[in-house]
Amino acid sequence: MYQERVSATAKAKAVIDKLREKNGELIFHQSGGCCDGSSPMCFAKGEFLIGSRDVCLGEIHGCSFYMAPDQFSYYQNMHITVDVTEGRGSSFSLGIPLGLRFIAVSRLLTEEELSHIRPIEMNP
């Protein structure tokens, strides 16, 4: 059994459910960069082009979670918990019209967790 790299809080899952009702299948992407670019963003599947070098860290609540490779170099030894907070942010994430934005809460993985970590998947 693998140690997952990413998970979501109950509050984030409730928002994902609401967004899925309206937009269908969803994905998350965390690109890095400045400002809200380093926050996880939610998109309808097919509405955001995943880069050829982006990596898939796993799934949260049935949604694939992708990350830019340069951002992953910082997060490769961390677990990310996706949560939501009030505020618009400045991105194109689907939560913006709800007055919410997704945030990444990270922590270092233990040696034990790292020994069982889910391998990343490269974008096909």
PDB file of N, CA and C in Angstrom:
ATOM      1  N   MET A   1       0.842  -1.182   0.000  1.00  0.00           N
ATOM      2  CA  MET A   1       0.000   0.000   0.000  1.00  0.00           C
ATOM      3  C   MET A   1       0.886   1.244   0.000  1.00  0.00           C
ATOM      4  N   TYR A   2       0.556   2.156  -0.877  1.00  0.00           N
ATOM      5  CA  TYR A   2       1.354   3.373  -1.025  1.00  0.00           C
ATOM      6  C   TYR A   2       0.960   4.458  -0.033  1.00  0.00           C
ATOM      7  N   GLN A   3       1.951   5.257   0.323  1.00  0.00           N
ATOM      8  CA  GLN A   3       1.718   6.521   1.028  1.00  0.00           C
ATOM      9  C   GLN A   3       1.354   7.533  -0.044  1.00  0.00           C
ATOM     10  N   GLU A   4       0.200   8.155   0.089  1.00  0.00           N
ATOM     11  CA  GLU A   4      -0.234   9.139  -0.902  1.00  0.00           C
ATOM     12  C   GLU A   4       0.544  10.434  -0.736  1.00  0.00           C
ATOM     13  N   ARG A   5       0.726  11.147  -1.840  1.00  0.00           N
ATOM     14  CA  ARG A   5       1.433  12.421  -1.840  1.00  0.00           C
ATOM     15  C   ARG A   5       0.498  13.599  -1.613  1.00  0.00           C
ATOM     16  N   VAL A   6      -0.794  13.392  -1.861  1.00  0.00           N
ATOM     17  CA  VAL A   6      -1.749  14.495  -1.808  1.00  0.00           C
ATOM     18  C   VAL A   6      -3.083  13.988  -1.278  1.00  0.00           C
ATOM     19  N   SER A   7      -3.758  14.846  -0.502  1.00  0.00           N
ATOM     20  CA  SER A   7      -5.079  14.522   0.041  1.00  0.00           C
ATOM     21  C   SER A   7      -5.880  15.819   0.107  1.00  0.00           C
ATOM     22  N   ALA A   8      -7.131  15.719   0.526  1.00  0.00           N
ATOM     23  CA  ALA A   8      -7.997  16.899   0.632  1.00  0.00           C
ATOM     24  C   ALA A   8      -8.762  16.855   1.942  1.00  0.00           C
ATOM     25  N   THR A   9      -9.028  18.031   2.491  1.00  0.00           N
ATOM     26  CA  THR A   9      -9.838  18.127   3.702  1.00  0.00           C
ATOM     27  C   THR A   9     -11.308  17.888   3.350  1.00  0.00           C
ATOM     28  N   ALA A  10     -12.116  17.653   4.369  1.00  0.00           N
ATOM     29  CA  ALA A  10     -13.557  17.481   4.155  1.00  0.00           C
ATOM     30  C   ALA A  10     -14.170  18.739   3.541  1.00  0.00           C
ATOM     31  N   LYS A  11     -13.703  19.896   3.964  1.00  0.00           N
ATOM     32  CA  LYS A  11     -14.202  21.162   3.418  1.00  0.00           C
ATOM     33  C   LYS A  11     -13.868  21.275   1.929  1.00  0.00           C
ATOM     34  N   ALA A  12     -12.641  20.913   1.545  1.00  0.00           N
ATOM     35  CA  ALA A  12     -12.247  20.943   0.134  1.00  0.00           C
ATOM     36  C   ALA A  12     -13.062  19.931  -0.677  1.00  0.00           C
ATOM     37  N   LYS A  13     -13.314  18.753  -0.112  1.00  0.00           N
ATOM     38  CA  LYS A  13     -14.108  17.747  -0.816  1.00  0.00           C
ATOM     39  C   LYS A  13     -15.531  18.236  -1.074  1.00  0.00           C
ATOM     40  N   ALA A  14     -16.102  18.948  -0.120  1.00  0.00           N
ATOM     41  CA  ALA A  14     -17.455  19.491  -0.311  1.00  0.00           C
ATOM     42  C   ALA A  14     -17.473  20.508  -1.453  1.00  0.00           C
ATOM     43  N   VAL A  15     -16.446  21.344  -1.541  1.00  0.00           N
ATOM     44  CA  VAL A  15     -16.362  22.319  -2.634  1.00  0.00           C
ATOM     45  C   VAL A  15     -16.142  21.593  -3.961  1.00  0.00           C
ATOM     46  N   ILE A  16     -15.297  20.580  -3.970  1.00  0.00           N
ATOM     47  CA  ILE A  16     -15.075  19.783  -5.186  1.00  0.00           C
ATOM     48  C   ILE A  16     -16.399  19.186  -5.665  1.00  0.00           C
ATOM     49  N   ASP A  17     -17.195  18.639  -4.740  1.00  0.00           N
ATOM     50  CA  ASP A  17     -18.496  18.071  -5.112  1.00  0.00           C
ATOM     51  C   ASP A  17     -19.388  19.121  -5.763  1.00  0.00           C
ATOM     52  N   LYS A  18     -19.413  20.304  -5.194  1.00  0.00           N
ATOM     53  CA  LYS A  18     -20.224  21.404  -5.733  1.00  0.00           C
ATOM     54  C   LYS A  18     -19.745  21.795  -7.132  1.00  0.00           C
ATOM     55  N   LEU A  19     -18.445  21.903  -7.301  1.00  0.00           N
ATOM     56  CA  LEU A  19     -17.887  22.267  -8.605  1.00  0.00           C
ATOM     57  C   LEU A  19     -18.101  21.160  -9.638  1.00  0.00           C
ATOM     58  N   ARG A  20     -18.008  19.903  -9.207  1.00  0.00           N
ATOM     59  CA  ARG A  20     -18.212  18.766 -10.110  1.00  0.00           C
ATOM     60  C   ARG A  20     -19.652  18.729 -10.619  1.00  0.00           C
ATOM     61  N   GLU A  21     -20.620  19.061  -9.759  1.00  0.00           N
ATOM     62  CA  GLU A  21     -22.028  19.105 -10.170  1.00  0.00           C
ATOM     63  C   GLU A  21     -22.227  20.059 -11.340  1.00  0.00           C
ATOM     64  N   LYS A  22     -21.573  21.193 -11.276  1.00  0.00           N
ATOM     65  CA  LYS A  22     -21.742  22.235 -12.293  1.00  0.00           C
ATOM     66  C   LYS A  22     -20.851  22.029 -13.516  1.00  0.00           C
ATOM     67  N   ASN A  23     -19.622  21.508 -13.312  1.00  0.00           N
ATOM     68  CA  ASN A  23     -18.617  21.482 -14.376  1.00  0.00           C
ATOM     69  C   ASN A  23     -18.211  20.110 -14.869  1.00  0.00           C
ATOM     70  N   GLY A  24     -18.720  19.047 -14.273  1.00  0.00           N
ATOM     71  CA  GLY A  24     -18.322  17.698 -14.680  1.00  0.00           C
ATOM     72  C   GLY A  24     -16.987  17.302 -14.084  1.00  0.00           C
ATOM     73  N   GLU A  25     -16.266  16.446 -14.787  1.00  0.00           N
ATOM     74  CA  GLU A  25     -14.998  15.924 -14.303  1.00  0.00           C
ATOM     75  C   GLU A  25     -13.991  17.067 -14.130  1.00  0.00           C
ATOM     76  N   LEU A  26     -13.207  16.996 -13.044  1.00  0.00           N
ATOM     77  CA  LEU A  26     -12.282  18.075 -12.683  1.00  0.00           C
ATOM     78  C   LEU A  26     -10.848  17.573 -12.584  1.00  0.00           C
ATOM     79  N   ILE A  27      -9.908  18.511 -12.698  1.00  0.00           N
ATOM     80  CA  ILE A  27      -8.495  18.238 -12.422  1.00  0.00           C
ATOM     81  C   ILE A  27      -7.951  19.381 -11.560  1.00  0.00           C
ATOM     82  N   PHE A  28      -6.832  19.121 -10.915  1.00  0.00           N
ATOM     83  CA  PHE A  28      -6.105  20.154 -10.183  1.00  0.00           C
ATOM     84  C   PHE A  28      -4.714  20.286 -10.781  1.00  0.00           C
ATOM     85  N   HIS A  29      -4.205  21.520 -10.765  1.00  0.00           N
ATOM     86  CA  HIS A  29      -2.845  21.773 -11.233  1.00  0.00           C
ATOM     87  C   HIS A  29      -2.212  22.828 -10.332  1.00  0.00           C
ATOM     88  N   GLN A  30      -0.961  22.579  -9.963  1.00  0.00           N
ATOM     89  CA  GLN A  30      -0.192  23.544  -9.181  1.00  0.00           C
ATOM     90  C   GLN A  30       1.070  23.843  -9.972  1.00  0.00           C
ATOM     91  N   SER A  31       1.182  25.083 -10.428  1.00  0.00           N
ATOM     92  CA  SER A  31       2.238  25.400 -11.389  1.00  0.00           C
ATOM     93  C   SER A  31       3.490  25.994 -10.778  1.00  0.00           C
ATOM     94  N   GLY A  32       3.387  26.640  -9.666  1.00  0.00           N
ATOM     95  CA  GLY A  32       4.540  27.345  -9.126  1.00  0.00           C
ATOM     96  C   GLY A  32       4.523  28.775  -9.617  1.00  0.00           C
ATOM     97  N   GLY A  33       5.635  29.427  -9.537  1.00  0.00           N
ATOM     98  CA  GLY A  33       5.674  30.820  -9.946  1.00  0.00           C
ATOM     99  C   GLY A  33       5.287  31.713  -8.794  1.00  0.00           C
ATOM    100  N   CYS A  34       4.845  32.898  -9.122  1.00  0.00           N
ATOM    101  CA  CYS A  34       4.530  33.851  -8.069  1.00  0.00           C
ATOM    102  C   CYS A  34       3.028  33.915  -7.810  1.00  0.00           C
ATOM    103  N   CYS A  35       2.696  34.616  -6.781  1.00  0.00           N
ATOM    104  CA  CYS A  35       1.298  34.910  -6.436  1.00  0.00           C
ATOM    105  C   CYS A  35       0.485  33.631  -6.301  1.00  0.00           C
ATOM    106  N   ASP A  36      -0.703  33.594  -6.913  1.00  0.00           N
ATOM    107  CA  ASP A  36      -1.562  32.418  -6.792  1.00  0.00           C
ATOM    108  C   ASP A  36      -1.101  31.252  -7.655  1.00  0.00           C
ATOM    109  N   GLY A  37      -0.077  31.440  -8.481  1.00  0.00           N
ATOM    110  CA  GLY A  37       0.417  30.349  -9.310  1.00  0.00           C
ATOM    111  C   GLY A  37       0.915  29.177  -8.502  1.00  0.00           C
ATOM    112  N   SER A  38       1.312  29.424  -7.259  1.00  0.00           N
ATOM    113  CA  SER A  38       1.804  28.333  -6.425  1.00  0.00           C
ATOM    114  C   SER A  38       0.692  27.679  -5.621  1.00  0.00           C
ATOM    115  N   SER A  39      -0.547  28.090  -5.843  1.00  0.00           N
ATOM    116  CA  SER A  39      -1.700  27.475  -5.189  1.00  0.00           C
ATOM    117  C   SER A  39      -2.316  26.438  -6.117  1.00  0.00           C
ATOM    118  N   PRO A  40      -2.933  25.400  -5.557  1.00  0.00           N
ATOM    119  CA  PRO A  40      -3.618  24.440  -6.419  1.00  0.00           C
ATOM    120  C   PRO A  40      -4.823  25.110  -7.090  1.00  0.00           C
ATOM    121  N   MET A  41      -4.961  24.878  -8.372  1.00  0.00           N
ATOM    122  CA  MET A  41      -6.092  25.439  -9.111  1.00  0.00           C
ATOM    123  C   MET A  41      -6.937  24.304  -9.678  1.00  0.00           C
ATOM    124  N   CYS A  42      -8.230  24.492  -9.650  1.00  0.00           N
ATOM    125  CA  CYS A  42      -9.186  23.493 -10.109  1.00  0.00           C
ATOM    126  C   CYS A  42      -9.748  23.916 -11.464  1.00  0.00           C
ATOM    127  N   PHE A  43      -9.769  22.968 -12.395  1.00  0.00           N
ATOM    128  CA  PHE A  43     -10.278  23.218 -13.743  1.00  0.00           C
ATOM    129  C   PHE A  43     -11.189  22.068 -14.171  1.00  0.00           C
ATOM    130  N   ALA A  44     -12.116  22.362 -15.085  1.00  0.00           N
ATOM    131  CA  ALA A  44     -12.872  21.290 -15.737  1.00  0.00           C
ATOM    132  C   ALA A  44     -11.876  20.506 -16.589  1.00  0.00           C
ATOM    133  N   LYS A  45     -12.001  19.187 -16.576  1.00  0.00           N
ATOM    134  CA  LYS A  45     -11.081  18.369 -17.369  1.00  0.00           C
ATOM    135  C   LYS A  45     -11.183  18.789 -18.828  1.00  0.00           C
ATOM    136  N   GLY A  46     -10.041  19.010 -19.463  1.00  0.00           N
ATOM    137  CA  GLY A  46      -9.998  19.435 -20.853  1.00  0.00           C
ATOM    138  C   GLY A  46      -9.932  20.941 -21.035  1.00  0.00           C
ATOM    139  N   GLU A  47     -10.149  21.704 -19.955  1.00  0.00           N
ATOM    140  CA  GLU A  47     -10.114  23.165 -20.047  1.00  0.00           C
ATOM    141  C   GLU A  47      -8.732  23.743 -19.723  1.00  0.00           C
ATOM    142  N   PHE A  48      -7.832  22.902 -19.278  1.00  0.00           N
ATOM    143  CA  PHE A  48      -6.472  23.334 -18.978  1.00  0.00           C
ATOM    144  C   PHE A  48      -5.540  22.301 -19.585  1.00  0.00           C
ATOM    145  N   LEU A  49      -4.582  22.748 -20.374  1.00  0.00           N
ATOM    146  CA  LEU A  49      -3.648  21.827 -21.009  1.00  0.00           C
ATOM    147  C   LEU A  49      -2.516  21.485 -20.045  1.00  0.00           C
ATOM    148  N   ILE A  50      -2.418  20.219 -19.725  1.00  0.00           N
ATOM    149  CA  ILE A  50      -1.345  19.736 -18.866  1.00  0.00           C
ATOM    150  C   ILE A  50      -0.060  19.731 -19.688  1.00  0.00           C
ATOM    151  N   GLY A  51       1.015  20.264 -19.140  1.00  0.00           N
ATOM    152  CA  GLY A  51       2.291  20.309 -19.845  1.00  0.00           C
ATOM    153  C   GLY A  51       2.904  18.935 -20.017  1.00  0.00           C
ATOM    154  N   SER A  52       3.703  18.780 -21.047  1.00  0.00           N
ATOM    155  CA  SER A  52       4.306  17.477 -21.345  1.00  0.00           C
ATOM    156  C   SER A  52       5.268  17.019 -20.252  1.00  0.00           C
ATOM    157  N   ARG A  53       5.762  17.939 -19.437  1.00  0.00           N
ATOM    158  CA  ARG A  53       6.686  17.584 -18.359  1.00  0.00           C
ATOM    159  C   ARG A  53       6.015  17.579 -16.985  1.00  0.00           C
ATOM    160  N   ASP A  54       4.734  17.982 -16.926  1.00  0.00           N
ATOM    161  CA  ASP A  54       4.016  17.981 -15.649  1.00  0.00           C
ATOM    162  C   ASP A  54       3.916  16.563 -15.105  1.00  0.00           C
ATOM    163  N   VAL A  55       3.858  16.455 -13.785  1.00  0.00           N
ATOM    164  CA  VAL A  55       3.751  15.145 -13.145  1.00  0.00           C
ATOM    165  C   VAL A  55       2.417  15.034 -12.419  1.00  0.00           C
ATOM    166  N   CYS A  56       1.900  13.817 -12.371  1.00  0.00           N
ATOM    167  CA  CYS A  56       0.660  13.555 -11.635  1.00  0.00           C
ATOM    168  C   CYS A  56       1.058  12.958 -10.288  1.00  0.00           C
ATOM    169  N   LEU A  57       0.655  13.642  -9.207  1.00  0.00           N
ATOM    170  CA  LEU A  57       1.004  13.188  -7.862  1.00  0.00           C
ATOM    171  C   LEU A  57       0.024  12.161  -7.326  1.00  0.00           C
ATOM    172  N   GLY A  58      -1.140  12.052  -7.950  1.00  0.00           N
ATOM    173  CA  GLY A  58      -2.188  11.149  -7.488  1.00  0.00           C
ATOM    174  C   GLY A  58      -3.538  11.800  -7.702  1.00  0.00           C
ATOM    175  N   GLU A  59      -4.493  11.421  -6.863  1.00  0.00           N
ATOM    176  CA  GLU A  59      -5.846  11.963  -6.959  1.00  0.00           C
ATOM    177  C   GLU A  59      -6.315  12.489  -5.617  1.00  0.00           C
ATOM    178  N   ILE A  60      -7.160  13.518  -5.687  1.00  0.00           N
ATOM    179  CA  ILE A  60      -7.875  13.972  -4.506  1.00  0.00           C
ATOM    180  C   ILE A  60      -9.357  13.950  -4.837  1.00  0.00           C
ATOM    181  N   HIS A  61     -10.086  13.194  -4.089  1.00  0.00           N
ATOM    182  CA  HIS A  61     -11.540  13.117  -4.233  1.00  0.00           C
ATOM    183  C   HIS A  61     -11.949  12.877  -5.692  1.00  0.00           C
ATOM    184  N   GLY A  62     -11.239  11.957  -6.348  1.00  0.00           N
ATOM    185  CA  GLY A  62     -11.564  11.582  -7.722  1.00  0.00           C
ATOM    186  C   GLY A  62     -11.029  12.508  -8.792  1.00  0.00           C
ATOM    187  N   CYS A  63     -10.165  13.454  -8.427  1.00  0.00           N
ATOM    188  CA  CYS A  63      -9.605  14.416  -9.385  1.00  0.00           C
ATOM    189  C   CYS A  63      -8.095  14.232  -9.457  1.00  0.00           C
ATOM    190  N   SER A  64      -7.562  14.082 -10.666  1.00  0.00           N
ATOM    191  CA  SER A  64      -6.111  13.998 -10.820  1.00  0.00           C
ATOM    192  C   SER A  64      -5.478  15.314 -10.375  1.00  0.00           C
ATOM    193  N   PHE A  65      -4.326  15.196  -9.720  1.00  0.00           N
ATOM    194  CA  PHE A  65      -3.603  16.363  -9.212  1.00  0.00           C
ATOM    195  C   PHE A  65      -2.242  16.416  -9.894  1.00  0.00           C
ATOM    196  N   TYR A  66      -2.031  17.449 -10.719  1.00  0.00           N
ATOM    197  CA  TYR A  66      -0.795  17.623 -11.476  1.00  0.00           C
ATOM    198  C   TYR A  66       0.027  18.766 -10.892  1.00  0.00           C
ATOM    199  N   MET A  67       1.332  18.681 -11.144  1.00  0.00           N
ATOM    200  CA  MET A  67       2.230  19.731 -10.677  1.00  0.00           C
ATOM    201  C   MET A  67       3.319  19.944 -11.722  1.00  0.00           C
ATOM    202  N   ALA A  68       3.712  21.203 -11.894  1.00  0.00           N
ATOM    203  CA  ALA A  68       4.825  21.529 -12.777  1.00  0.00           C
ATOM    204  C   ALA A  68       6.101  20.893 -12.220  1.00  0.00           C
ATOM    205  N   PRO A  69       6.994  20.440 -13.091  1.00  0.00           N
ATOM    206  CA  PRO A  69       8.183  19.732 -12.605  1.00  0.00           C
ATOM    207  C   PRO A  69       9.103  20.569 -11.728  1.00  0.00           C
ATOM    208  N   ASP A  70       9.239  21.858 -12.015  1.00  0.00           N
ATOM    209  CA  ASP A  70      10.096  22.683 -11.161  1.00  0.00           C
ATOM    210  C   ASP A  70       9.489  22.847  -9.773  1.00  0.00           C
ATOM    211  N   GLN A  71       8.170  22.928  -9.698  1.00  0.00           N
ATOM    212  CA  GLN A  71       7.482  23.010  -8.406  1.00  0.00           C
ATOM    213  C   GLN A  71       7.635  21.679  -7.653  1.00  0.00           C
ATOM    214  N   PHE A  72       7.542  20.564  -8.390  1.00  0.00           N
ATOM    215  CA  PHE A  72       7.682  19.249  -7.766  1.00  0.00           C
ATOM    216  C   PHE A  72       9.063  19.072  -7.140  1.00  0.00           C
ATOM    217  N   SER A  73      10.075  19.690  -7.708  1.00  0.00           N
ATOM    218  CA  SER A  73      11.414  19.560  -7.124  1.00  0.00           C
ATOM    219  C   SER A  73      11.434  20.068  -5.682  1.00  0.00           C
ATOM    220  N   TYR A  74      10.571  21.021  -5.350  1.00  0.00           N
ATOM    221  CA  TYR A  74      10.465  21.522  -3.973  1.00  0.00           C
ATOM    222  C   TYR A  74       9.567  20.630  -3.109  1.00  0.00           C
ATOM    223  N   TYR A  75       8.583  19.984  -3.729  1.00  0.00           N
ATOM    224  CA  TYR A  75       7.571  19.225  -2.994  1.00  0.00           C
ATOM    225  C   TYR A  75       7.808  17.716  -2.986  1.00  0.00           C
ATOM    226  N   GLN A  76       8.869  17.234  -3.586  1.00  0.00           N
ATOM    227  CA  GLN A  76       9.034  15.795  -3.750  1.00  0.00           C
ATOM    228  C   GLN A  76       9.103  15.018  -2.433  1.00  0.00           C
ATOM    229  N   ASN A  77       9.462  15.658  -1.354  1.00  0.00           N
ATOM    230  CA  ASN A  77       9.538  14.991  -0.050  1.00  0.00           C
ATOM    231  C   ASN A  77       8.453  15.467   0.904  1.00  0.00           C
ATOM    232  N   MET A  78       7.353  15.973   0.336  1.00  0.00           N
ATOM    233  CA  MET A  78       6.274  16.523   1.155  1.00  0.00           C
ATOM    234  C   MET A  78       4.931  15.889   0.831  1.00  0.00           C
ATOM    235  N   HIS A  79       4.069  15.933   1.806  1.00  0.00           N
ATOM    236  CA  HIS A  79       2.664  15.584   1.603  1.00  0.00           C
ATOM    237  C   HIS A  79       1.901  16.892   1.517  1.00  0.00           C
ATOM    238  N   ILE A  80       0.973  16.974   0.566  1.00  0.00           N
ATOM    239  CA  ILE A  80       0.158  18.176   0.371  1.00  0.00           C
ATOM    240  C   ILE A  80      -1.281  17.853   0.747  1.00  0.00           C
ATOM    241  N   THR A  81      -1.843  18.670   1.614  1.00  0.00           N
ATOM    242  CA  THR A  81      -3.264  18.585   1.921  1.00  0.00           C
ATOM    243  C   THR A  81      -3.921  19.802   1.290  1.00  0.00           C
ATOM    244  N   VAL A  82      -4.866  19.554   0.388  1.00  0.00           N
ATOM    245  CA  VAL A  82      -5.584  20.638  -0.270  1.00  0.00           C
ATOM    246  C   VAL A  82      -6.753  21.040   0.615  1.00  0.00           C
ATOM    247  N   ASP A  83      -6.845  22.331   0.884  1.00  0.00           N
ATOM    248  CA  ASP A  83      -7.921  22.894   1.692  1.00  0.00           C
ATOM    249  C   ASP A  83      -8.492  24.081   0.933  1.00  0.00           C
ATOM    250  N   VAL A  84      -9.500  24.713   1.478  1.00  0.00           N
ATOM    251  CA  VAL A  84     -10.073  25.929   0.887  1.00  0.00           C
ATOM    252  C   VAL A  84     -10.115  27.017   1.943  1.00  0.00           C
ATOM    253  N   THR A  85     -10.074  28.237   1.454  1.00  0.00           N
ATOM    254  CA  THR A  85     -10.187  29.393   2.331  1.00  0.00           C
ATOM    255  C   THR A  85     -10.999  30.454   1.606  1.00  0.00           C
ATOM    256  N   GLU A  86     -11.568  31.350   2.359  1.00  0.00           N
ATOM    257  CA  GLU A  86     -12.319  32.438   1.742  1.00  0.00           C
ATOM    258  C   GLU A  86     -11.362  33.404   1.062  1.00  0.00           C
ATOM    259  N   GLY A  87     -11.812  33.972  -0.010  1.00  0.00           N
ATOM    260  CA  GLY A  87     -11.011  34.932  -0.756  1.00  0.00           C
ATOM    261  C   GLY A  87     -10.954  34.566  -2.219  1.00  0.00           C
ATOM    262  N   ARG A  88     -10.896  35.564  -3.057  1.00  0.00           N
ATOM    263  CA  ARG A  88     -10.922  35.340  -4.494  1.00  0.00           C
ATOM    264  C   ARG A  88      -9.607  34.851  -5.065  1.00  0.00           C
ATOM    265  N   GLY A  89      -8.506  35.308  -4.548  1.00  0.00           N
ATOM    266  CA  GLY A  89      -7.246  34.998  -5.197  1.00  0.00           C
ATOM    267  C   GLY A  89      -7.215  35.668  -6.566  1.00  0.00           C
ATOM    268  N   SER A  90      -6.220  35.344  -7.359  1.00  0.00           N
ATOM    269  CA  SER A  90      -6.141  35.949  -8.691  1.00  0.00           C
ATOM    270  C   SER A  90      -5.804  34.893  -9.724  1.00  0.00           C
ATOM    271  N   SER A  91      -6.635  33.874  -9.799  1.00  0.00           N
ATOM    272  CA  SER A  91      -6.389  32.791 -10.738  1.00  0.00           C
ATOM    273  C   SER A  91      -7.668  32.494 -11.511  1.00  0.00           C
ATOM    274  N   PHE A  92      -7.589  31.479 -12.342  1.00  0.00           N
ATOM    275  CA  PHE A  92      -8.743  31.049 -13.122  1.00  0.00           C
ATOM    276  C   PHE A  92      -9.381  29.801 -12.527  1.00  0.00           C
ATOM    277  N   SER A  93      -9.065  29.477 -11.306  1.00  0.00           N
ATOM    278  CA  SER A  93      -9.604  28.293 -10.647  1.00  0.00           C
ATOM    279  C   SER A  93     -11.121  28.393 -10.517  1.00  0.00           C
ATOM    280  N   LEU A  94     -11.799  27.269 -10.632  1.00  0.00           N
ATOM    281  CA  LEU A  94     -13.265  27.252 -10.618  1.00  0.00           C
ATOM    282  C   LEU A  94     -13.886  27.707  -9.307  1.00  0.00           C
ATOM    283  N   GLY A  95     -13.139  27.702  -8.228  1.00  0.00           N
ATOM    284  CA  GLY A  95     -13.688  28.116  -6.936  1.00  0.00           C
ATOM    285  C   GLY A  95     -13.832  29.621  -6.783  1.00  0.00           C
ATOM    286  N   ILE A  96     -13.213  30.393  -7.648  1.00  0.00           N
ATOM    287  CA  ILE A  96     -13.208  31.851  -7.535  1.00  0.00           C
ATOM    288  C   ILE A  96     -14.617  32.441  -7.488  1.00  0.00           C
ATOM    289  N   PRO A  97     -15.553  32.044  -8.383  1.00  0.00           N
ATOM    290  CA  PRO A  97     -16.908  32.622  -8.322  1.00  0.00           C
ATOM    291  C   PRO A  97     -17.649  32.323  -7.011  1.00  0.00           C
ATOM    292  N   LEU A  98     -17.194  31.301  -6.281  1.00  0.00           N
ATOM    293  CA  LEU A  98     -17.800  30.969  -4.988  1.00  0.00           C
ATOM    294  C   LEU A  98     -17.199  31.808  -3.855  1.00  0.00           C
ATOM    295  N   GLY A  99     -16.211  32.639  -4.181  1.00  0.00           N
ATOM    296  CA  GLY A  99     -15.532  33.430  -3.156  1.00  0.00           C
ATOM    297  C   GLY A  99     -14.544  32.605  -2.363  1.00  0.00           C
ATOM    298  N   LEU A 100     -14.076  31.498  -2.976  1.00  0.00           N
ATOM    299  CA  LEU A 100     -13.155  30.577  -2.304  1.00  0.00           C
ATOM    300  C   LEU A 100     -11.938  30.338  -3.173  1.00  0.00           C
ATOM    301  N   ARG A 101     -10.852  29.954  -2.518  1.00  0.00           N
ATOM    302  CA  ARG A 101      -9.683  29.523  -3.271  1.00  0.00           C
ATOM    303  C   ARG A 101      -9.074  28.322  -2.568  1.00  0.00           C
ATOM    304  N   PHE A 102      -8.485  27.464  -3.352  1.00  0.00           N
ATOM    305  CA  PHE A 102      -7.820  26.288  -2.813  1.00  0.00           C
ATOM    306  C   PHE A 102      -6.427  26.676  -2.347  1.00  0.00           C
ATOM    307  N   ILE A 103      -5.987  26.048  -1.282  1.00  0.00           N
ATOM    308  CA  ILE A 103      -4.642  26.266  -0.745  1.00  0.00           C
ATOM    309  C   ILE A 103      -3.968  24.916  -0.518  1.00  0.00           C
ATOM    310  N   ALA A 104      -2.660  24.933  -0.538  1.00  0.00           N
ATOM    311  CA  ALA A 104      -1.872  23.726  -0.273  1.00  0.00           C
ATOM    312  C   ALA A 104      -1.221  23.864   1.099  1.00  0.00           C
ATOM    313  N   VAL A 105      -1.490  22.915   1.957  1.00  0.00           N
ATOM    314  CA  VAL A 105      -0.850  22.853   3.270  1.00  0.00           C
ATOM    315  C   VAL A 105       0.111  21.668   3.194  1.00  0.00           C
ATOM    316  N   SER A 106       1.399  21.938   3.332  1.00  0.00           N
ATOM    317  CA  SER A 106       2.373  20.868   3.136  1.00  0.00           C
ATOM    318  C   SER A 106       3.122  20.553   4.426  1.00  0.00           C
ATOM    319  N   ARG A 107       3.607  19.326   4.467  1.00  0.00           N
ATOM    320  CA  ARG A 107       4.445  18.885   5.578  1.00  0.00           C
ATOM    321  C   ARG A 107       5.466  17.894   5.032  1.00  0.00           C
ATOM    322  N   LEU A 108       6.622  17.826   5.674  1.00  0.00           N
ATOM    323  CA  LEU A 108       7.630  16.857   5.263  1.00  0.00           C
ATOM    324  C   LEU A 108       7.152  15.437   5.561  1.00  0.00           C
ATOM    325  N   LEU A 109       7.414  14.545   4.634  1.00  0.00           N
ATOM    326  CA  LEU A 109       7.107  13.135   4.849  1.00  0.00           C
ATOM    327  C   LEU A 109       8.171  12.526   5.759  1.00  0.00           C
ATOM    328  N   THR A 110       7.766  11.544   6.539  1.00  0.00           N
ATOM    329  CA  THR A 110       8.722  10.843   7.393  1.00  0.00           C
ATOM    330  C   THR A 110       9.529   9.858   6.543  1.00  0.00           C
ATOM    331  N   GLU A 111      10.613   9.368   7.084  1.00  0.00           N
ATOM    332  CA  GLU A 111      11.419   8.352   6.382  1.00  0.00           C
ATOM    333  C   GLU A 111      10.560   7.123   6.073  1.00  0.00           C
ATOM    334  N   GLU A 112       9.728   6.731   7.013  1.00  0.00           N
ATOM    335  CA  GLU A 112       8.838   5.577   6.811  1.00  0.00           C
ATOM    336  C   GLU A 112       7.872   5.847   5.660  1.00  0.00           C
ATOM    337  N   GLU A 113       7.262   7.015   5.637  1.00  0.00           N
ATOM    338  CA  GLU A 113       6.332   7.365   4.553  1.00  0.00           C
ATOM    339  C   GLU A 113       7.061   7.392   3.209  1.00  0.00           C
ATOM    340  N   LEU A 114       8.259   7.962   3.184  1.00  0.00           N
ATOM    341  CA  LEU A 114       9.023   8.033   1.943  1.00  0.00           C
ATOM    342  C   LEU A 114       9.364   6.650   1.393  1.00  0.00           C
ATOM    343  N   SER A 115       9.532   5.680   2.284  1.00  0.00           N
ATOM    344  CA  SER A 115       9.865   4.326   1.820  1.00  0.00           C
ATOM    345  C   SER A 115       8.683   3.652   1.129  1.00  0.00           C
ATOM    346  N   HIS A 116       7.474   4.213   1.284  1.00  0.00           N
ATOM    347  CA  HIS A 116       6.264   3.639   0.667  1.00  0.00           C
ATOM    348  C   HIS A 116       5.530   4.652  -0.200  1.00  0.00           C
ATOM    349  N   ILE A 117       6.222   5.667  -0.676  1.00  0.00           N
ATOM    350  CA  ILE A 117       5.564   6.772  -1.372  1.00  0.00           C
ATOM    351  C   ILE A 117       5.046   6.341  -2.752  1.00  0.00           C
ATOM    352  N   ARG A 118       3.890   6.871  -3.118  1.00  0.00           N
ATOM    353  CA  ARG A 118       3.340   6.605  -4.445  1.00  0.00           C
ATOM    354  C   ARG A 118       4.260   7.206  -5.495  1.00  0.00           C
ATOM    355  N   PRO A 119       4.649   6.426  -6.505  1.00  0.00           N
ATOM    356  CA  PRO A 119       5.475   6.990  -7.573  1.00  0.00           C
ATOM    357  C   PRO A 119       4.684   8.042  -8.366  1.00  0.00           C
ATOM    358  N   ILE A 120       5.385   9.038  -8.871  1.00  0.00           N
ATOM    359  CA  ILE A 120       4.720  10.030  -9.708  1.00  0.00           C
ATOM    360  C   ILE A 120       4.487   9.427 -11.087  1.00  0.00           C
ATOM    361  N   GLU A 121       3.521   9.985 -11.791  1.00  0.00           N
ATOM    362  CA  GLU A 121       3.237   9.579 -13.159  1.00  0.00           C
ATOM    363  C   GLU A 121       3.543  10.764 -14.065  1.00  0.00           C
ATOM    364  N   MET A 122       4.244  10.495 -15.151  1.00  0.00           N
ATOM    365  CA  MET A 122       4.508  11.549 -16.119  1.00  0.00           C
ATOM    366  C   MET A 122       3.280  11.702 -17.008  1.00  0.00           C
ATOM    367  N   ASN A 123       3.045  12.930 -17.455  1.00  0.00           N
ATOM    368  CA  ASN A 123       1.916  13.202 -18.342  1.00  0.00           C
ATOM    369  C   ASN A 123       2.127  12.472 -19.667  1.00  0.00           C
ATOM    370  N   PRO A 124       1.139  11.664 -20.089  1.00  0.00           N
ATOM    371  CA  PRO A 124       1.307  10.918 -21.356  1.00  0.00           C
ATOM    372  C   PRO A 124       1.284  11.818 -22.569  1.00  0.00           C
TER     373      PRO A 124
END
